[in-house]
Amino acid sequence: MKRVRAILALLLVTVAWGLTFPVQKVALSGSNPFLYNSFRFLIASSFTLLFFRKKPRWKEGLILGLFIGTGYATQTSGLKLTSSTKSGFITSLYIPFVPVFSFFIERVKPSRLQILSFLLSILGLYLLSSPSADPFNLGDLLTLFCAITFAIQIVLVTRYTNNKDCDEAGLLLPQFLLTALFNLLLAPLGGPVGFKWSYLFALFFTAILATVVAFWVQVKFQKDVGSNSAALIYTAEPVFASLFAFWLLAERVTSSQLIGMCILVAASILGNLRRG
């Protein structure tokens, strides 16, 4: 039951993360994305101080923040130089990168079912994102670096929270503050603020639900399933992103995208049939 509870909790995280895509797409049109990310994580830091009155674990938290902050910065920078479809696909490659870093950092080998699931996830992500055949460019390279940093963060979360002396909530504040600082330093490159009411709504939604709550659930429950299983659960994020974009933004879903969604769901279920 502990494992099932963790799977359901992490699945709810993917719902929140998936919903951020259409919400932010509307709110960030013509706005400075770096400044937005800085505001988002500063607000998240404030709520963390208010609701999680735990002693921050600065060493581990800042290491996690280094990877998350770098990931958000390179993703946003890369998106200015490449298409959104390619950015979405390359970012999602953090999922098959996880077992690689899990092996080197945690010395955990994925099971055969998980290896098959990770291979299926690459196919599913490709069909869902439908990236163009444009040549690989600097924006793609930056986004690939983003995927690598996200994968390392996932593995390190499992490693740190498996320590019996670790207070999970103490990992949140350092991550959020460093990510806010990263994006604040890059804000001059992002253009005008572009404030509007939808911007304010998106800011508080993503700061509270998709950051404070979602990251707390991650550090609380991910250790109960392990890095590899968690990564396969996170394949639901692009699926929910596409479904919410269809529902809220009336974006068209192609037959290949539907097939990609089905493959991702199958990969997630297959990879979590047993412990890796």
Protein backbone atom coordinates (compact mmCIF):
# COMPACT_ATOMS: atom_id res chain seq x y z
CA MET A 1 0.00 0.00 0.00
CA LYS A 2 2.92 2.33 0.69
CA ARG A 3 4.15 1.90 -2.88
CA VAL A 4 0.65 2.32 -4.34
CA ARG A 5 0.13 5.51 -2.32
CA ALA A 6 3.44 6.88 -3.59
CA ILE A 7 2.55 6.07 -7.22
CA LEU A 8 -0.81 7.83 -6.90
CA ALA A 9 0.78 10.85 -5.21
CA LEU A 10 3.43 11.21 -7.94
CA LEU A 11 0.77 10.75 -10.60
CA LEU A 12 -1.11 13.73 -9.14
CA VAL A 13 2.14 15.71 -9.42
CA THR A 14 2.19 15.03 -13.16
CA VAL A 15 -1.36 16.38 -13.40
CA ALA A 16 -0.25 19.66 -11.80
CA TRP A 17 2.87 19.88 -13.95
CA GLY A 18 0.90 19.06 -17.09
CA LEU A 19 -1.63 21.80 -16.35
CA THR A 20 1.13 24.42 -16.11
CA PHE A 21 1.82 24.19 -19.86
CA PRO A 22 -1.47 25.63 -21.18
CA VAL A 23 -1.79 28.02 -18.20
CA GLN A 24 1.67 29.47 -18.79
CA LYS A 25 1.31 29.51 -22.57
CA VAL A 26 -1.55 32.01 -22.25
CA ALA A 27 -0.01 34.04 -19.43
CA LEU A 28 3.54 34.30 -20.78
CA SER A 29 2.74 35.52 -24.27
CA GLY A 30 4.93 38.61 -24.71
CA SER A 31 6.30 38.35 -21.18
CA ASN A 32 9.79 37.89 -19.74
CA PRO A 33 10.06 34.13 -18.97
CA PHE A 34 13.15 34.47 -16.76
CA LEU A 35 11.52 37.11 -14.59
CA TYR A 36 8.38 34.98 -14.41
CA ASN A 37 10.38 31.97 -13.21
CA SER A 38 12.16 34.15 -10.65
CA PHE A 39 8.84 35.46 -9.29
CA ARG A 40 7.41 31.93 -9.28
CA PHE A 41 10.20 30.49 -7.16
CA LEU A 42 10.38 33.51 -4.86
CA ILE A 43 6.67 33.11 -4.10
CA ALA A 44 7.26 29.38 -3.62
CA SER A 45 10.08 30.20 -1.19
CA SER A 46 7.74 32.47 0.83
CA PHE A 47 5.05 29.81 1.11
CA THR A 48 7.66 27.21 2.04
CA LEU A 49 8.84 29.42 4.91
CA LEU A 50 5.24 29.90 6.00
CA PHE A 51 4.03 26.28 5.90
CA PHE A 52 7.20 24.19 6.31
CA ARG A 53 8.94 25.54 9.37
CA LYS A 54 11.77 23.08 9.14
CA LYS A 55 15.50 23.71 9.30
CA PRO A 56 16.70 23.98 5.68
CA ARG A 57 19.15 21.32 4.54
CA TRP A 58 21.35 23.79 2.70
CA LYS A 59 24.01 21.47 1.33
CA GLU A 60 21.70 18.91 -0.31
CA GLY A 61 19.05 21.51 -1.13
CA LEU A 62 21.49 23.83 -2.91
CA ILE A 63 22.87 20.92 -4.92
CA LEU A 64 19.32 20.07 -6.03
CA GLY A 65 18.69 23.76 -6.70
CA LEU A 66 21.81 23.93 -8.85
CA PHE A 67 20.36 21.33 -11.22
CA ILE A 68 16.78 22.62 -11.15
CA GLY A 69 17.89 26.23 -11.61
CA THR A 70 20.21 25.31 -14.47
CA GLY A 71 17.45 23.21 -16.01
CA TYR A 72 14.88 25.99 -16.03
CA ALA A 73 17.42 28.51 -17.31
CA THR A 74 18.68 26.36 -20.18
CA GLN A 75 15.16 25.26 -21.11
CA THR A 76 13.94 28.84 -21.34
CA SER A 77 17.06 29.97 -23.20
CA GLY A 78 16.83 27.06 -25.60
CA LEU A 79 13.17 27.74 -26.34
CA LYS A 80 14.13 31.12 -27.77
CA LEU A 81 16.34 29.36 -30.34
CA THR A 82 14.30 26.29 -31.25
CA SER A 83 10.68 25.27 -31.80
CA SER A 84 8.31 24.51 -28.93
CA THR A 85 7.69 20.98 -30.26
CA LYS A 86 11.40 20.16 -30.33
CA SER A 87 11.86 21.76 -26.92
CA GLY A 88 9.05 19.64 -25.47
CA PHE A 89 10.46 16.43 -26.90
CA ILE A 90 14.08 17.06 -25.93
CA THR A 91 13.11 18.18 -22.40
CA SER A 92 11.09 14.97 -21.97
CA LEU A 93 14.21 12.94 -22.67
CA TYR A 94 15.03 13.39 -18.99
CA ILE A 95 12.85 10.30 -18.51
CA PRO A 96 15.13 7.80 -20.31
CA PHE A 97 18.19 9.63 -18.94
CA VAL A 98 17.16 8.78 -15.35
CA PRO A 99 18.20 5.08 -15.40
CA VAL A 100 21.63 6.08 -16.75
CA PHE A 101 22.32 8.45 -13.86
CA SER A 102 20.60 6.15 -11.38
CA PHE A 103 23.11 3.45 -12.29
CA PHE A 104 26.13 5.71 -11.83
CA ILE A 105 24.90 7.61 -8.75
CA GLU A 106 22.79 5.02 -6.89
CA ARG A 107 24.22 1.85 -8.44
CA VAL A 108 20.67 0.75 -9.24
CA LYS A 109 20.14 -1.33 -12.36
CA PRO A 110 16.77 -1.04 -14.11
CA SER A 111 14.81 -4.24 -14.54
CA ARG A 112 14.23 -5.69 -18.01
CA LEU A 113 10.66 -4.44 -17.95
CA GLN A 114 11.89 -0.97 -17.06
CA ILE A 115 14.49 -0.99 -19.85
CA LEU A 116 11.73 -1.92 -22.30
CA SER A 117 9.52 0.79 -20.80
CA PHE A 118 12.19 3.46 -21.18
CA LEU A 119 12.68 2.50 -24.84
CA LEU A 120 8.92 2.66 -25.37
CA SER A 121 8.82 6.06 -23.66
CA ILE A 122 11.25 7.50 -26.22
CA LEU A 123 8.96 6.36 -29.04
CA GLY A 124 5.87 7.65 -27.23
CA LEU A 125 7.47 11.03 -26.52
CA TYR A 126 8.51 11.38 -30.16
CA LEU A 127 5.02 10.63 -31.45
CA LEU A 128 3.40 12.90 -28.86
CA SER A 129 5.70 15.84 -29.49
CA SER A 130 6.07 15.36 -33.27
CA PRO A 131 9.36 17.31 -33.39
CA SER A 132 10.33 18.72 -36.77
CA ALA A 133 13.22 17.48 -38.87
CA ASP A 134 15.10 20.79 -38.54
CA PRO A 135 18.88 20.49 -38.03
CA PHE A 136 20.17 20.21 -34.47
CA ASN A 137 20.98 23.73 -33.26
CA LEU A 138 22.25 25.61 -30.19
CA GLY A 139 18.73 25.82 -28.76
CA ASP A 140 18.42 22.04 -28.97
CA LEU A 141 21.78 21.63 -27.23
CA LEU A 142 20.72 23.91 -24.37
CA THR A 143 17.44 22.00 -24.03
CA LEU A 144 19.31 18.68 -24.01
CA PHE A 145 21.42 20.02 -21.15
CA CYS A 146 18.16 20.90 -19.40
CA ALA A 147 16.95 17.29 -19.74
CA ILE A 148 20.21 16.01 -18.26
CA THR A 149 19.99 18.33 -15.23
CA PHE A 150 16.36 17.35 -14.58
CA ALA A 151 17.31 13.67 -14.69
CA ILE A 152 20.15 14.16 -12.21
CA GLN A 153 17.83 16.08 -9.86
CA ILE A 154 15.35 13.20 -9.83
CA VAL A 155 18.07 10.68 -8.97
CA LEU A 156 19.55 12.91 -6.26
CA VAL A 157 16.12 13.40 -4.66
CA THR A 158 15.85 9.63 -4.20
CA ARG A 159 19.39 9.39 -2.88
CA TYR A 160 19.03 12.22 -0.36
CA THR A 161 15.57 11.29 0.92
CA ASN A 162 16.58 7.65 1.47
CA ASN A 163 18.82 8.95 4.24
CA LYS A 164 17.00 8.31 7.52
CA ASP A 165 18.29 11.59 8.96
CA CYS A 166 16.89 13.61 6.05
CA ASP A 167 13.94 15.91 6.70
CA GLU A 168 12.36 16.06 3.24
CA ALA A 169 10.74 19.47 3.69
CA GLY A 170 14.16 20.94 4.51
CA LEU A 171 15.22 20.35 0.90
CA LEU A 172 12.61 22.69 -0.57
CA LEU A 173 13.69 26.22 0.38
CA PRO A 174 17.31 26.01 -0.87
CA GLN A 175 16.12 24.60 -4.22
CA PHE A 176 13.58 27.35 -4.72
CA LEU A 177 15.87 30.22 -3.70
CA LEU A 178 18.71 29.16 -5.98
CA THR A 179 16.34 28.63 -8.91
CA ALA A 180 14.89 32.11 -8.35
CA LEU A 181 18.40 33.57 -8.29
CA PHE A 182 19.41 31.80 -11.52
CA ASN A 183 16.44 33.21 -13.38
CA LEU A 184 16.75 36.68 -11.85
CA LEU A 185 20.32 36.94 -13.16
CA LEU A 186 19.09 36.03 -16.66
CA ALA A 187 16.05 38.35 -16.55
CA PRO A 188 17.75 41.17 -18.55
CA LEU A 189 17.88 38.77 -21.52
CA GLY A 190 14.15 38.02 -21.46
CA GLY A 191 12.57 41.30 -22.54
CA PRO A 192 9.73 43.28 -20.87
CA VAL A 193 7.69 42.02 -17.93
CA GLY A 194 4.45 41.97 -19.96
CA PHE A 195 2.16 41.94 -16.92
CA LYS A 196 -1.53 40.99 -17.26
CA TRP A 197 -4.10 39.38 -14.95
CA SER A 198 -3.65 35.92 -16.45
CA TYR A 199 0.08 36.33 -15.65
CA LEU A 200 -0.75 36.86 -11.97
CA PHE A 201 -3.06 33.83 -11.88
CA ALA A 202 -0.46 31.61 -13.58
CA LEU A 203 2.22 32.88 -11.22
CA PHE A 204 0.40 31.89 -8.02
CA PHE A 205 -0.97 28.66 -9.49
CA THR A 206 2.45 27.42 -10.57
CA ALA A 207 4.19 28.72 -7.44
CA ILE A 208 1.83 27.05 -4.97
CA LEU A 209 0.44 23.93 -6.63
CA ALA A 210 3.05 23.06 -9.27
CA THR A 211 6.06 24.06 -7.16
CA VAL A 212 5.54 23.98 -3.37
CA VAL A 213 2.99 21.15 -3.29
CA ALA A 214 4.42 19.18 -6.23
CA PHE A 215 8.04 19.33 -5.08
CA TRP A 216 7.04 18.44 -1.52
CA VAL A 217 5.20 15.37 -2.80
CA GLN A 218 8.27 14.48 -4.87
CA VAL A 219 10.70 14.62 -1.93
CA LYS A 220 8.18 12.90 0.34
CA PHE A 221 7.13 9.94 -1.82
CA GLN A 222 9.67 9.38 -4.60
CA LYS A 223 11.95 7.30 -2.38
CA ASP A 224 9.13 4.76 -1.95
CA VAL A 225 9.20 3.84 -5.65
CA GLY A 226 12.80 4.64 -6.65
CA SER A 227 14.21 6.84 -9.37
CA ASN A 228 13.48 4.54 -12.31
CA SER A 229 9.84 3.90 -11.43
CA ALA A 230 9.33 7.59 -10.65
CA ALA A 231 10.69 8.59 -14.06
CA LEU A 232 8.22 6.25 -15.74
CA ILE A 233 5.38 7.73 -13.67
CA TYR A 234 6.48 11.18 -14.84
CA THR A 235 5.80 10.11 -18.46
CA ALA A 236 2.22 11.08 -17.65
CA GLU A 237 3.24 14.76 -17.52
CA PRO A 238 3.38 15.34 -21.32
CA VAL A 239 0.20 13.29 -21.69
CA PHE A 240 -1.69 15.53 -19.27
CA ALA A 241 -0.11 18.61 -20.87
CA SER A 242 -1.52 17.58 -24.25
CA LEU A 243 -4.94 16.72 -22.82
CA PHE A 244 -5.21 20.03 -20.97
CA ALA A 245 -4.05 21.93 -24.07
CA PHE A 246 -6.81 20.18 -26.04
CA TRP A 247 -9.41 20.95 -23.37
CA LEU A 248 -8.43 24.52 -22.43
CA LEU A 249 -6.80 25.85 -25.60
CA ALA A 250 -8.68 23.78 -28.20
CA GLU A 251 -5.38 22.56 -29.60
CA ARG A 252 -5.72 19.77 -32.13
CA VAL A 253 -4.60 16.27 -31.16
CA THR A 254 -3.41 14.17 -34.11
CA SER A 255 -3.71 10.42 -34.45
CA SER A 256 0.07 10.01 -33.98
CA GLN A 257 -0.15 12.02 -30.74
CA LEU A 258 -2.94 9.77 -29.49
CA ILE A 259 -0.80 6.73 -30.27
CA GLY A 260 2.10 8.38 -28.44
CA MET A 261 -0.10 8.97 -25.38
CA CYS A 262 -1.18 5.32 -25.34
CA ILE A 263 2.43 4.16 -25.62
CA LEU A 264 3.48 6.41 -22.73
CA VAL A 265 0.65 5.13 -20.53
CA ALA A 266 1.59 1.54 -21.41
CA ALA A 267 5.27 2.24 -20.68
CA SER A 268 4.42 3.74 -17.29
CA ILE A 269 2.23 0.79 -16.30
CA LEU A 270 4.70 -1.79 -17.61
CA GLY A 271 7.64 -0.23 -15.80
CA ASN A 272 5.80 -0.19 -12.47
CA LEU A 273 4.52 -3.74 -12.45
CA ARG A 274 7.27 -4.62 -10.02
CA ARG A 275 10.21 -3.03 -8.27
CA GLY A 276 13.24 -2.21 -10.42
